[in-house]
Amino acid sequence: MDFTERRQLWKKINTLTPQKLALAHHVLDEIREGSDVMRALRSHPLDEGGYLTKAALVAAYNQMVDSGAIQPDRVLLERIRMKPMRTLSGVTTVTVLTKPYPCPGKCIFCPTDVRMPKSYLPDEPGAMRALEHQFDPYEQVHNRIRALKNLGHPTDKIELLILGGTWSSYRRDYQEWFVARCFDAMNEIKHEGHEVHKEKPKENSVDSVVSVVNLPEIHSQNEAAPHRNVGLVIETRPDEINPDEIKWLRHLGVTKVQMGAQSFDDHILEINKRGHDVESTRKATALLRAAGFKIVLHWMPNLLGATPQSDREDFKKLWEDFCPDEIKIYPNQLLANAELYEYWQRGEFHPYSMEDLVNLLVDIKPTIPRYCRVNRVIRDIPGNNVVEGNTRTSLRQDIQEIMKQRGTICQCIRCREVRGKSVDSASLRLDDLIYKAGFAEEHFISFVTGDDKLAGFIRLSLPKAGSPATGISELDRAALIREVHVYGQSLEVGSEKTGAAQHAGLGTRLLGEAERIARENGFSRIAVISAVGTRQYYLDRGFERSEYYLVKKI
């Protein structure tokens, strides 16, 4: 069954006929009275067989609220929400893909499909959605927000994740148009006039950018939009990062950059035709940090020339100088449409056995510092594409179970988030984890519960001698706030919920602590790399607008 057939079946199952709507009302009444959600669903079978889905319950709930039959009930909605984990980190993520476009990389492990941007396959979940909408940014964002809302998720705080090849290799007028259309969808404004922008993009030159969109105006509209952007993420290569690119990314509103480091061994990078060396990754990471960006590095075990033991040693290098805020672990997977397949056919490459791969990941995961978040431990590539090697997408859960059996734990951010738990702000302790990263002294300041769960944190970066020049005057001699994040189920702007970490004033308290530390270290100004939709939050706390950042005297 292909993607379109699955979607048609999904729509059929979840279409609310009068009979289903009446049944849903009964089920919701039972749940409101305290009945278990799944038990209530099973006690009301459909005449044609089967049962109502949670999506049908959410749709019925929305209809009842809209008609005035019931008052909005956040507790009820949380109980019937589908896949609550999607928004338990405090934001709602929307992923979009750029159109197929040439990539400067020639990596032998990277799959190639003419229908997709480099390194993506058409049957990956996010890629399928992009292909269905012909890579149109407005349609991707608009329909994803609608789908998430239909599943019961709040959609007023959106982290926008733009994937697809190497972002920096796309023509800049396409980049600007793409971002503008994503924001149009979040602003719920459809400007058909922007469509002309994708027909004839100009050359990728800073001096010849021709903009038919007013991106600053569109950004301004988002500050009070129905779906505010609280983070904008792109992915690129280390050798694409320079001061000019930094300014351009800030013009677009980017706050987080993903880069494929893949390995910290120059020989491994060379034989895998990565096209850059370790020093490029070092310089790019230092420059991004100096400009306040949040940094995500991709790391790939099982590359050509690597062994499980060399990968263990390679992973240690992540924390010696690079110190990313987040990582994605992507074990190399052998795919028929990658050049590496030819090496495998000649007997020059062999994927790790499942046992070797699991043992490697189980060994390295407990070594990850408390300031880093592990976003992935496996790429979501359907197993039918893998020629040999791991095909289990449940690898994270498998690893956690083995670690539990061995008595080891991971202390990364993802493993310690409070998520859906209520928080007693009075009982939280304040931690300040200080570490050196390149030419900066980093402070990971966090509020932690009695059982060591993370309720919120702020990343404060204090540039030191040798910090690379960004060319942005507003950052001169300024301390940097690179991220403020308070955990718990993503809540609507202005809403309150007893015990929710997001509404316990933790963000304001973290800002105050960061300002105190910066002042004690001799800084008189502090700059924050604010997302467009969070500008007002910082303006309300004494920050002022500058060209690329919000700045405050301390």
Protein backbone atom coordinates (compact mmCIF):
# COMPACT_ATOMS: atom_id res chain seq x y z
CA MET A 1 0.00 0.00 0.00
CA ASP A 2 1.56 3.32 -1.06
CA PHE A 3 1.37 6.66 0.75
CA THR A 4 -1.73 7.89 -1.14
CA GLU A 5 -3.64 4.66 -0.50
CA ARG A 6 -2.77 4.76 3.20
CA ARG A 7 -3.92 8.38 3.44
CA GLN A 8 -7.23 7.58 1.69
CA LEU A 9 -7.81 4.67 4.08
CA TRP A 10 -6.98 6.92 7.05
CA LYS A 11 -9.50 9.54 5.88
CA LYS A 12 -12.18 6.87 5.42
CA ILE A 13 -11.63 5.45 8.90
CA ASN A 14 -11.74 8.87 10.53
CA THR A 15 -14.63 10.42 8.60
CA LEU A 16 -17.23 11.38 11.19
CA THR A 17 -20.61 10.12 10.05
CA PRO A 18 -23.63 11.08 12.21
CA GLN A 19 -23.54 7.60 13.76
CA LYS A 20 -19.82 7.89 14.59
CA LEU A 21 -20.30 11.40 15.97
CA ALA A 22 -23.08 10.25 18.30
CA LEU A 23 -20.94 7.33 19.42
CA ALA A 24 -17.97 9.64 19.99
CA HIS A 25 -20.13 11.82 22.24
CA HIS A 26 -20.87 8.79 24.45
CA VAL A 27 -17.20 7.81 24.56
CA LEU A 28 -16.10 11.34 25.46
CA ASP A 29 -18.70 11.52 28.24
CA GLU A 30 -17.33 8.30 29.74
CA ILE A 31 -13.75 9.57 29.52
CA ARG A 32 -14.72 12.86 31.17
CA GLU A 33 -16.24 10.83 34.01
CA GLY A 34 -12.92 9.07 34.54
CA SER A 35 -13.06 6.01 32.30
CA ASP A 36 -9.85 4.77 30.68
CA VAL A 37 -9.62 6.02 27.07
CA MET A 38 -8.96 2.67 25.42
CA ARG A 39 -11.55 0.89 27.57
CA ALA A 40 -14.17 3.48 26.62
CA LEU A 41 -13.36 3.06 22.93
CA ARG A 42 -13.55 -0.74 23.12
CA SER A 43 -16.91 -0.62 24.87
CA HIS A 44 -18.51 1.09 21.88
CA PRO A 45 -17.79 -0.96 18.70
CA LEU A 46 -18.87 0.37 15.32
CA ASP A 47 -21.75 -1.32 13.47
CA GLU A 48 -19.46 -2.13 10.53
CA GLY A 49 -16.84 -3.57 12.85
CA GLY A 50 -13.82 -2.05 14.55
CA TYR A 51 -13.74 0.91 16.88
CA LEU A 52 -13.46 4.68 16.83
CA THR A 53 -9.92 6.06 16.70
CA LYS A 54 -8.39 8.75 18.89
CA ALA A 55 -8.35 11.00 15.81
CA ALA A 56 -12.13 10.61 15.55
CA LEU A 57 -12.46 11.49 19.23
CA VAL A 58 -10.37 14.64 18.73
CA ALA A 59 -12.49 15.62 15.72
CA ALA A 60 -15.68 15.07 17.73
CA TYR A 61 -14.26 17.06 20.64
CA ASN A 62 -13.42 19.98 18.30
CA GLN A 63 -16.92 19.91 16.82
CA MET A 64 -18.51 19.92 20.26
CA VAL A 65 -16.37 22.85 21.41
CA ASP A 66 -17.07 24.81 18.20
CA SER A 67 -20.82 24.24 18.53
CA GLY A 68 -20.83 25.25 22.20
CA ALA A 69 -21.98 21.79 23.32
CA ILE A 70 -19.06 21.62 25.75
CA GLN A 71 -16.50 24.07 27.10
CA PRO A 72 -12.84 23.62 26.14
CA ASP A 73 -11.38 20.96 28.43
CA ARG A 74 -7.57 20.78 28.27
CA VAL A 75 -7.37 17.74 30.54
CA LEU A 76 -9.77 15.82 28.32
CA LEU A 77 -7.90 16.84 25.17
CA GLU A 78 -4.59 15.69 26.63
CA ARG A 79 -6.10 12.27 27.40
CA ILE A 80 -7.36 11.70 23.85
CA ARG A 81 -4.47 13.36 22.00
CA MET A 82 -2.68 11.09 19.51
CA LYS A 83 1.08 10.64 19.90
CA PRO A 84 1.50 13.08 22.80
CA MET A 85 5.29 12.58 22.69
CA ARG A 86 5.38 14.85 19.61
CA THR A 87 4.85 17.92 21.77
CA LEU A 88 6.04 16.82 25.21
CA SER A 89 9.35 18.63 24.72
CA GLY A 90 7.51 21.95 24.86
CA VAL A 91 7.25 22.83 21.15
CA THR A 92 5.45 21.47 18.11
CA THR A 93 7.87 20.53 15.33
CA VAL A 94 6.91 20.89 11.67
CA THR A 95 9.31 19.32 9.15
CA VAL A 96 9.47 20.38 5.49
CA LEU A 97 11.75 19.43 2.59
CA THR A 98 13.26 21.59 -0.11
CA LYS A 99 13.02 20.61 -3.77
CA PRO A 100 15.57 18.26 -5.42
CA TYR A 101 18.72 20.27 -6.16
CA PRO A 102 22.40 19.45 -6.81
CA CYS A 103 24.50 18.94 -3.68
CA PRO A 104 28.23 19.78 -3.56
CA GLY A 105 28.90 16.58 -1.61
CA LYS A 106 30.01 13.31 -3.23
CA CYS A 107 29.75 11.10 -0.14
CA ILE A 108 29.83 7.41 -1.04
CA PHE A 109 27.31 6.49 1.68
CA CYS A 110 24.67 8.98 0.54
CA PRO A 111 21.65 7.67 -1.44
CA THR A 112 20.65 9.37 -4.67
CA ASP A 113 17.10 9.53 -6.01
CA VAL A 114 16.19 12.01 -8.75
CA ARG A 115 12.79 12.57 -7.13
CA MET A 116 14.28 13.79 -3.85
CA PRO A 117 16.88 16.19 -2.45
CA LYS A 118 20.24 14.52 -1.91
CA SER A 119 20.39 11.87 0.85
CA TYR A 120 16.61 11.44 1.12
CA LEU A 121 14.41 8.58 -0.08
CA PRO A 122 10.81 9.01 -1.25
CA ASP A 123 9.36 6.49 1.23
CA GLU A 124 10.72 8.18 4.37
CA PRO A 125 7.75 9.63 6.31
CA GLY A 126 8.64 13.33 6.03
CA ALA A 127 9.80 12.90 2.45
CA MET A 128 6.51 11.27 1.46
CA ARG A 129 4.59 14.29 2.72
CA ALA A 130 6.90 16.65 0.81
CA LEU A 131 6.55 14.64 -2.40
CA GLU A 132 2.78 14.61 -2.06
CA HIS A 133 2.79 18.43 -1.94
CA GLN A 134 5.43 18.71 -4.71
CA PHE A 135 7.83 20.33 -2.23
CA ASP A 136 5.67 23.43 -1.99
CA PRO A 137 6.66 25.05 1.35
CA TYR A 138 3.28 26.67 2.01
CA GLU A 139 1.34 23.47 1.41
CA GLN A 140 3.75 21.38 3.49
CA VAL A 141 3.52 23.68 6.51
CA HIS A 142 -0.19 24.43 6.17
CA ASN A 143 -1.21 20.78 5.88
CA ARG A 144 1.15 19.58 8.60
CA ILE A 145 -0.18 22.16 11.05
CA ARG A 146 -3.73 21.15 10.16
CA ALA A 147 -2.93 17.46 10.67
CA LEU A 148 -1.28 18.08 14.04
CA LYS A 149 -4.21 20.21 15.15
CA ASN A 150 -6.61 17.46 14.11
CA LEU A 151 -4.63 15.04 16.26
CA GLY A 152 -5.18 17.29 19.27
CA HIS A 153 -1.80 19.03 19.40
CA PRO A 154 -1.39 22.75 20.12
CA THR A 155 0.06 24.50 17.08
CA ASP A 156 0.69 28.05 18.20
CA LYS A 157 4.40 27.47 18.96
CA ILE A 158 6.12 25.93 15.94
CA GLU A 159 9.72 24.83 15.52
CA LEU A 160 10.25 24.75 11.76
CA LEU A 161 12.75 22.13 10.59
CA ILE A 162 13.87 22.58 6.96
CA LEU A 163 15.55 19.48 5.53
CA GLY A 164 16.83 18.54 2.10
CA GLY A 165 20.40 18.18 0.89
CA THR A 166 22.68 21.11 1.72
CA TRP A 167 20.66 24.26 2.45
CA SER A 168 23.57 26.59 1.72
CA SER A 169 23.97 25.22 -1.81
CA TYR A 170 20.49 26.35 -2.85
CA ARG A 171 20.18 29.71 -4.57
CA ARG A 172 19.57 32.44 -2.06
CA ASP A 173 16.44 33.84 -3.63
CA TYR A 174 14.95 30.32 -3.48
CA GLN A 175 15.93 30.10 0.19
CA GLU A 176 14.28 33.44 0.96
CA TRP A 177 11.13 32.54 -0.98
CA PHE A 178 10.97 29.13 0.71
CA VAL A 179 11.24 30.61 4.21
CA ALA A 180 8.72 33.36 3.36
CA ARG A 181 6.15 30.81 2.20
CA CYS A 182 6.66 28.73 5.36
CA PHE A 183 5.99 31.86 7.42
CA ASP A 184 2.97 32.71 5.27
CA ALA A 185 1.51 29.33 6.27
CA MET A 186 2.23 29.98 9.95
CA ASN A 187 0.74 33.47 9.57
CA GLU A 188 -2.28 31.98 7.75
CA ILE A 189 -1.74 34.37 4.85
CA LYS A 190 -1.56 33.05 1.30
CA HIS A 191 0.15 35.48 -1.07
CA GLU A 192 -0.17 33.99 -4.53
CA GLY A 193 2.24 36.65 -5.79
CA HIS A 194 5.08 34.83 -4.08
CA GLU A 195 4.64 31.88 -6.42
CA VAL A 196 6.52 33.64 -9.22
CA HIS A 197 9.63 33.51 -7.08
CA LYS A 198 10.21 29.81 -7.64
CA GLU A 199 10.09 30.04 -11.42
CA LYS A 200 13.34 31.91 -12.15
CA PRO A 201 15.71 32.02 -9.19
CA LYS A 202 18.74 34.25 -9.62
CA GLU A 203 22.35 33.18 -9.18
CA ASN A 204 23.55 32.31 -5.69
CA SER A 205 25.26 35.61 -5.07
CA VAL A 206 24.99 37.90 -2.09
CA ASP A 207 25.13 40.99 -4.29
CA SER A 208 22.53 39.82 -6.80
CA VAL A 209 19.77 38.65 -4.48
CA VAL A 210 16.47 39.75 -5.99
CA SER A 211 13.69 39.55 -3.42
CA VAL A 212 10.05 39.59 -4.46
CA VAL A 213 9.11 38.99 -0.82
CA ASN A 214 9.42 41.34 2.11
CA LEU A 215 10.78 38.87 4.62
CA PRO A 216 11.20 41.35 7.51
CA GLU A 217 7.54 42.31 7.16
CA ILE A 218 6.46 38.66 7.07
CA HIS A 219 8.60 38.00 10.15
CA SER A 220 6.99 40.96 11.90
CA GLN A 221 3.52 39.55 11.20
CA ASN A 222 4.55 36.27 12.83
CA GLU A 223 5.28 37.96 16.15
CA ALA A 224 1.53 37.89 16.84
CA ALA A 225 0.47 35.17 14.38
CA PRO A 226 -1.75 32.12 15.03
CA HIS A 227 1.31 29.88 14.74
CA ARG A 228 4.42 31.60 16.05
CA ASN A 229 7.84 30.39 15.02
CA VAL A 230 9.88 29.54 18.11
CA GLY A 231 12.80 28.01 16.21
CA LEU A 232 14.03 27.75 12.62
CA VAL A 233 16.42 24.92 11.75
CA ILE A 234 18.37 24.24 8.55
CA GLU A 235 20.97 21.60 7.68
CA THR A 236 24.21 22.28 5.85
CA ARG A 237 27.86 21.25 5.57
CA PRO A 238 30.72 22.55 7.75
CA ASP A 239 32.60 23.90 4.72
CA GLU A 240 29.64 26.17 3.88
CA ILE A 241 29.83 28.16 7.13
CA ASN A 242 31.53 31.58 7.05
CA PRO A 243 30.73 35.09 8.40
CA ASP A 244 28.72 36.02 5.30
CA GLU A 245 26.64 32.85 5.60
CA ILE A 246 26.07 33.58 9.29
CA LYS A 247 24.54 36.98 8.47
CA TRP A 248 22.37 35.44 5.76
CA LEU A 249 21.05 32.76 8.09
CA ARG A 250 20.11 35.39 10.64
CA HIS A 251 18.37 37.41 7.91
CA LEU A 252 16.24 34.32 7.25
CA GLY A 253 15.49 33.90 10.97
CA VAL A 254 17.54 30.71 11.48
CA THR A 255 18.32 29.87 15.13
CA LYS A 256 19.67 26.31 14.90
CA VAL A 257 22.07 24.71 12.41
CA GLN A 258 22.49 21.01 11.76
CA MET A 259 25.80 19.91 10.23
CA GLY A 260 27.03 16.54 9.07
CA ALA A 261 30.33 16.05 10.91
CA GLN A 262 30.05 12.26 10.32
CA SER A 263 33.58 11.53 11.62
CA PHE A 264 36.50 13.24 13.39
CA ASP A 265 39.14 11.29 11.48
CA ASP A 266 40.50 12.95 8.35
CA HIS A 267 41.38 9.62 6.72
CA ILE A 268 37.84 8.30 7.22
CA LEU A 269 36.39 11.53 5.80
CA GLU A 270 38.69 11.32 2.79
CA ILE A 271 38.03 7.71 1.77
CA ASN A 272 34.27 8.27 2.19
CA LYS A 273 34.59 11.32 -0.12
CA ARG A 274 33.04 13.65 2.41
CA GLY A 275 34.70 16.69 0.82
CA HIS A 276 35.83 18.48 4.00
CA ASP A 277 38.21 17.80 6.86
CA VAL A 278 37.89 17.83 10.65
CA GLU A 279 39.30 21.36 10.85
CA SER A 280 36.38 22.60 8.73
CA THR A 281 33.97 21.18 11.30
CA ARG A 282 35.99 22.72 14.14
CA LYS A 283 35.98 26.19 12.56
CA ALA A 284 32.30 26.02 11.60
CA THR A 285 31.26 24.94 15.09
CA ALA A 286 33.30 27.73 16.71
CA LEU A 287 31.87 30.37 14.36
CA LEU A 288 28.27 29.23 14.87
CA ARG A 289 28.78 29.29 18.63
CA ALA A 290 30.29 32.79 18.47
CA ALA A 291 27.15 33.89 16.62
CA GLY A 292 24.84 32.32 19.20
CA PHE A 293 23.39 29.50 17.10
CA LYS A 294 22.31 26.20 18.59
CA ILE A 295 24.49 23.47 17.10
CA VAL A 296 23.43 19.97 16.03
CA LEU A 297 26.09 17.58 14.73
CA HIS A 298 25.43 14.33 12.86
CA TRP A 299 27.77 11.44 13.62
CA MET A 300 27.96 8.21 11.58
CA PRO A 301 29.44 5.00 12.93
CA ASN A 302 30.30 2.16 10.52
CA LEU A 303 31.68 4.35 7.74
CA LEU A 304 34.11 2.80 5.25
CA GLY A 305 37.38 2.22 7.07
CA ALA A 306 35.91 2.41 10.59
CA THR A 307 35.69 -0.34 13.20
CA PRO A 308 33.55 -0.53 16.34
CA GLN A 309 36.63 0.29 18.44
CA SER A 310 37.72 3.21 16.25
CA ASP A 311 34.16 4.53 16.42
CA ARG A 312 34.31 4.42 20.23
CA GLU A 313 37.46 6.55 20.13
CA ASP A 314 35.99 8.85 17.49
CA PHE A 315 32.87 9.51 19.56
CA LYS A 316 35.02 10.77 22.46
CA LYS A 317 36.33 13.58 20.25
CA LEU A 318 32.85 15.12 20.10
CA TRP A 319 33.26 16.32 23.69
CA GLU A 320 36.89 17.44 23.52
CA ASP A 321 36.30 20.62 21.54
CA PHE A 322 33.13 20.56 19.43
CA CYS A 323 30.63 20.07 22.27
CA PRO A 324 27.39 20.17 20.24
CA ASP A 325 24.11 21.08 21.91
CA GLU A 326 22.36 18.20 20.17
CA ILE A 327 23.47 15.18 18.17
CA LYS A 328 21.96 12.77 15.71
CA ILE A 329 23.59 9.35 15.58
CA TYR A 330 23.09 7.88 12.13
CA PRO A 331 24.65 4.41 11.82
CA ASN A 332 25.70 4.00 8.21
CA GLN A 333 23.12 1.95 6.33
CA LEU A 334 24.01 0.18 3.09
CA LEU A 335 21.65 1.31 0.32
CA ALA A 336 21.56 0.07 -3.26
CA ASN A 337 21.48 3.60 -4.73
CA ALA A 338 24.64 4.76 -2.93
CA GLU A 339 28.20 4.46 -4.28
CA LEU A 340 29.15 2.45 -1.18
CA TYR A 341 27.09 -0.41 -2.60
CA GLU A 342 29.82 -0.97 -5.21
CA TYR A 343 32.45 -1.25 -2.45
CA TRP A 344 30.26 -3.86 -0.73
CA GLN A 345 29.91 -5.82 -3.97
CA ARG A 346 33.72 -5.93 -4.26
CA GLY A 347 34.00 -7.11 -0.65
CA GLU A 348 35.65 -3.85 0.49
CA PHE A 349 32.93 -2.88 2.98
CA HIS A 350 30.88 -4.84 5.51
CA PRO A 351 28.13 -3.40 7.73
CA TYR A 352 28.49 -4.10 11.45
CA SER A 353 26.57 -7.04 12.80
CA MET A 354 23.51 -6.17 14.85
CA GLU A 355 25.34 -7.27 17.99
CA ASP A 356 28.40 -5.09 17.27
CA LEU A 357 26.24 -2.04 16.49
CA VAL A 358 24.07 -2.39 19.58
CA ASN A 359 27.09 -2.95 21.85
CA LEU A 360 28.74 0.17 20.39
CA LEU A 361 25.68 2.35 21.01
CA VAL A 362 25.08 0.91 24.47
CA ASP A 363 28.70 1.72 25.38
CA ILE A 364 28.76 5.31 24.10
CA LYS A 365 25.31 6.54 25.14
CA PRO A 366 26.13 6.79 28.89
CA THR A 367 29.16 8.98 28.03
CA ILE A 368 27.06 11.79 26.54
CA PRO A 369 27.27 14.99 28.65
CA ARG A 370 24.24 16.37 30.47
CA TYR A 371 24.20 19.50 28.28
CA CYS A 372 23.60 17.56 25.06
CA ARG A 373 20.36 16.16 23.64
CA VAL A 374 20.33 12.97 21.53
CA ASN A 375 17.69 13.55 18.88
CA ARG A 376 18.14 10.25 17.05
CA VAL A 377 20.08 7.01 17.26
CA ILE A 378 18.89 5.69 13.90
CA ARG A 379 17.73 7.22 10.65
CA ASP A 380 14.08 6.58 9.77
CA ILE A 381 14.84 4.71 6.52
CA PRO A 382 12.34 1.93 5.73
CA GLY A 383 14.00 -1.47 6.01
CA ASN A 384 13.16 -2.49 2.44
CA ASN A 385 15.83 -0.01 1.23
CA VAL A 386 18.62 -1.53 3.34
CA VAL A 387 20.74 -4.12 1.51
CA GLU A 388 22.60 -5.42 4.56
CA GLY A 389 22.89 -4.32 8.18
CA ASN A 390 20.50 -2.80 10.68
CA THR A 391 16.85 -2.41 9.67
CA ARG A 392 15.39 -1.87 13.15
CA THR A 393 13.92 1.60 13.61
CA SER A 394 13.26 0.76 17.29
CA LEU A 395 16.96 0.88 18.03
CA ARG A 396 16.65 3.62 20.66
CA GLN A 397 14.16 1.58 22.71
CA ASP A 398 16.27 -1.58 22.31
CA ILE A 399 19.37 0.24 23.54
CA GLN A 400 17.54 1.71 26.54
CA GLU A 401 16.36 -1.77 27.56
CA ILE A 402 19.87 -3.25 27.35
CA MET A 403 21.32 -0.32 29.30
CA LYS A 404 18.71 -0.92 31.98
CA GLN A 405 19.72 -4.57 32.16
CA ARG A 406 23.38 -3.55 32.48
CA GLY A 407 22.64 -0.94 35.13
CA THR A 408 23.86 2.00 33.02
CA ILE A 409 21.97 5.22 32.28
CA CYS A 410 22.07 8.03 29.76
CA GLN A 411 22.03 11.56 31.20
CA CYS A 412 21.40 13.41 27.95
CA ILE A 413 18.69 16.07 27.88
CA ARG A 414 16.13 13.89 26.10
CA CYS A 415 16.44 11.17 28.73
CA ARG A 416 15.95 13.68 31.58
CA GLU A 417 13.12 15.94 30.29
CA VAL A 418 10.18 16.25 32.68
CA ARG A 419 7.80 16.02 29.70
CA GLY A 420 4.24 15.47 30.93
CA LYS A 421 5.00 15.52 34.66
CA SER A 422 3.78 18.34 36.89
CA VAL A 423 6.47 20.49 38.44
CA ASP A 424 6.72 21.98 41.94
CA SER A 425 8.85 25.03 41.11
CA ALA A 426 9.65 25.63 44.79
CA SER A 427 11.43 22.27 45.06
CA LEU A 428 13.63 22.68 41.98
CA ARG A 429 17.37 23.07 42.36
CA LEU A 430 19.45 25.36 40.15
CA ASP A 431 22.51 23.80 38.49
CA ASP A 432 25.26 25.55 36.53
CA LEU A 433 27.28 23.10 34.44
CA ILE A 434 30.36 24.92 33.10
CA TYR A 435 32.41 23.52 30.25
CA LYS A 436 34.89 24.77 27.66
CA ALA A 437 33.88 24.57 24.01
CA GLY A 438 36.39 25.92 21.52
CA PHE A 439 36.89 29.59 22.36
CA ALA A 440 33.96 29.93 24.71
CA GLU A 441 33.07 29.21 28.30
CA GLU A 442 29.65 27.59 28.22
CA HIS A 443 27.17 27.65 31.09
CA PHE A 444 24.37 25.10 30.94
CA ILE A 445 22.11 26.55 33.63
CA SER A 446 19.19 24.31 34.50
CA PHE A 447 16.34 23.74 36.91
CA VAL A 448 16.30 20.10 38.03
CA THR A 449 13.71 18.14 40.02
CA GLY A 450 14.47 15.99 43.06
CA ASP A 451 14.66 12.88 40.87
CA ASP A 452 17.08 14.60 38.44
CA LYS A 453 14.55 15.41 35.74
CA LEU A 454 15.12 18.53 33.66
CA ALA A 455 12.42 21.20 33.96
CA GLY A 456 14.16 23.91 31.96
CA PHE A 457 17.54 25.29 30.96
CA ILE A 458 19.36 28.20 29.39
CA ARG A 459 22.57 28.10 27.34
CA LEU A 460 24.84 31.03 28.15
CA SER A 461 28.00 31.42 26.08
CA LEU A 462 30.85 33.68 27.22
CA PRO A 463 33.27 34.33 24.32
CA LYS A 464 36.96 34.16 25.26
CA ALA A 465 40.21 35.20 23.59
CA GLY A 466 40.50 33.70 20.13
CA SER A 467 36.74 33.53 19.52
CA PRO A 468 36.23 33.85 15.75
CA ALA A 469 35.03 37.18 14.40
CA THR A 470 31.43 37.08 13.22
CA GLY A 471 31.48 40.47 11.53
CA ILE A 472 28.30 41.40 13.44
CA SER A 473 28.92 44.52 15.53
CA GLU A 474 26.01 44.00 17.91
CA LEU A 475 27.79 40.89 19.25
CA ASP A 476 31.02 42.72 20.08
CA ARG A 477 31.89 42.18 23.76
CA ALA A 478 28.47 40.65 24.41
CA ALA A 479 27.58 37.50 26.33
CA LEU A 480 25.29 35.22 24.32
CA ILE A 481 22.08 33.44 25.19
CA ARG A 482 21.89 30.64 22.65
CA GLU A 483 18.79 28.85 23.92
CA VAL A 484 16.08 29.06 26.55
CA HIS A 485 13.92 25.97 26.85
CA VAL A 486 11.31 25.06 29.46
CA TYR A 487 9.90 21.56 29.23
CA GLY A 488 6.44 20.03 29.49
CA GLN A 489 3.55 19.51 27.08
CA SER A 490 3.49 22.36 24.57
CA LEU A 491 0.90 24.86 25.79
CA GLU A 492 -0.90 27.60 23.93
CA VAL A 493 0.46 31.13 24.18
CA GLY A 494 -1.08 32.84 27.21
CA SER A 495 -2.59 29.64 28.64
CA GLU A 496 -1.92 28.41 32.16
CA LYS A 497 -1.84 24.96 33.64
CA THR A 498 -1.26 24.13 37.28
CA GLY A 499 2.18 22.64 37.77
CA ALA A 500 3.23 22.96 34.10
CA ALA A 501 6.91 23.81 33.82
CA GLN A 502 6.21 26.19 30.95
CA HIS A 503 4.10 28.41 33.19
CA ALA A 504 6.05 28.41 36.43
CA GLY A 505 8.13 31.48 35.51
CA LEU A 506 11.22 29.33 35.02
CA GLY A 507 12.28 31.08 31.82
CA THR A 508 12.36 34.49 33.50
CA ARG A 509 14.32 33.09 36.44
CA LEU A 510 16.83 31.44 34.10
CA LEU A 511 17.33 34.73 32.23
CA GLY A 512 18.00 36.49 35.52
CA GLU A 513 20.62 33.91 36.48
CA ALA A 514 22.30 34.19 33.07
CA GLU A 515 22.47 37.98 33.38
CA ARG A 516 24.02 37.67 36.86
CA ILE A 517 26.72 35.27 35.63
CA ALA A 518 27.48 37.39 32.56
CA ARG A 519 27.78 40.53 34.69
CA GLU A 520 30.10 38.81 37.19
CA ASN A 521 32.30 37.77 34.26
CA GLY A 522 32.74 41.36 33.12
CA PHE A 523 30.11 41.60 30.39
CA SER A 524 27.94 44.72 30.22
CA ARG A 525 25.68 43.49 27.42
CA ILE A 526 23.89 40.28 26.66
CA ALA A 527 22.50 39.24 23.25
CA VAL A 528 19.93 36.55 22.51
CA ILE A 529 19.44 34.73 19.19
CA SER A 530 15.68 35.03 19.30
CA ALA A 531 13.35 33.18 16.97
CA VAL A 532 10.85 35.45 15.24
CA GLY A 533 7.90 34.27 17.30
CA THR A 534 9.69 34.66 20.66
CA ARG A 535 10.86 38.25 20.16
CA GLN A 536 8.04 39.68 22.26
CA TYR A 537 8.95 37.40 25.16
CA TYR A 538 12.42 38.95 25.33
CA LEU A 539 11.22 42.49 24.60
CA ASP A 540 8.93 42.19 27.61
CA ARG A 541 12.01 41.35 29.70
CA GLY A 542 14.10 44.38 28.84
CA PHE A 543 15.77 43.36 25.57
CA GLU A 544 15.84 45.77 22.64
CA ARG A 545 15.79 45.16 18.91
CA SER A 546 19.02 45.25 16.93
CA GLU A 547 19.65 44.19 13.34
CA TYR A 548 20.07 40.43 13.85
CA TYR A 549 19.68 39.91 17.61
CA LEU A 550 17.90 41.25 20.66
CA VAL A 551 20.31 42.99 23.05
CA LYS A 552 20.11 44.10 26.67
CA LYS A 553 22.42 46.18 28.85
CA ILE A 554 23.17 44.47 32.16
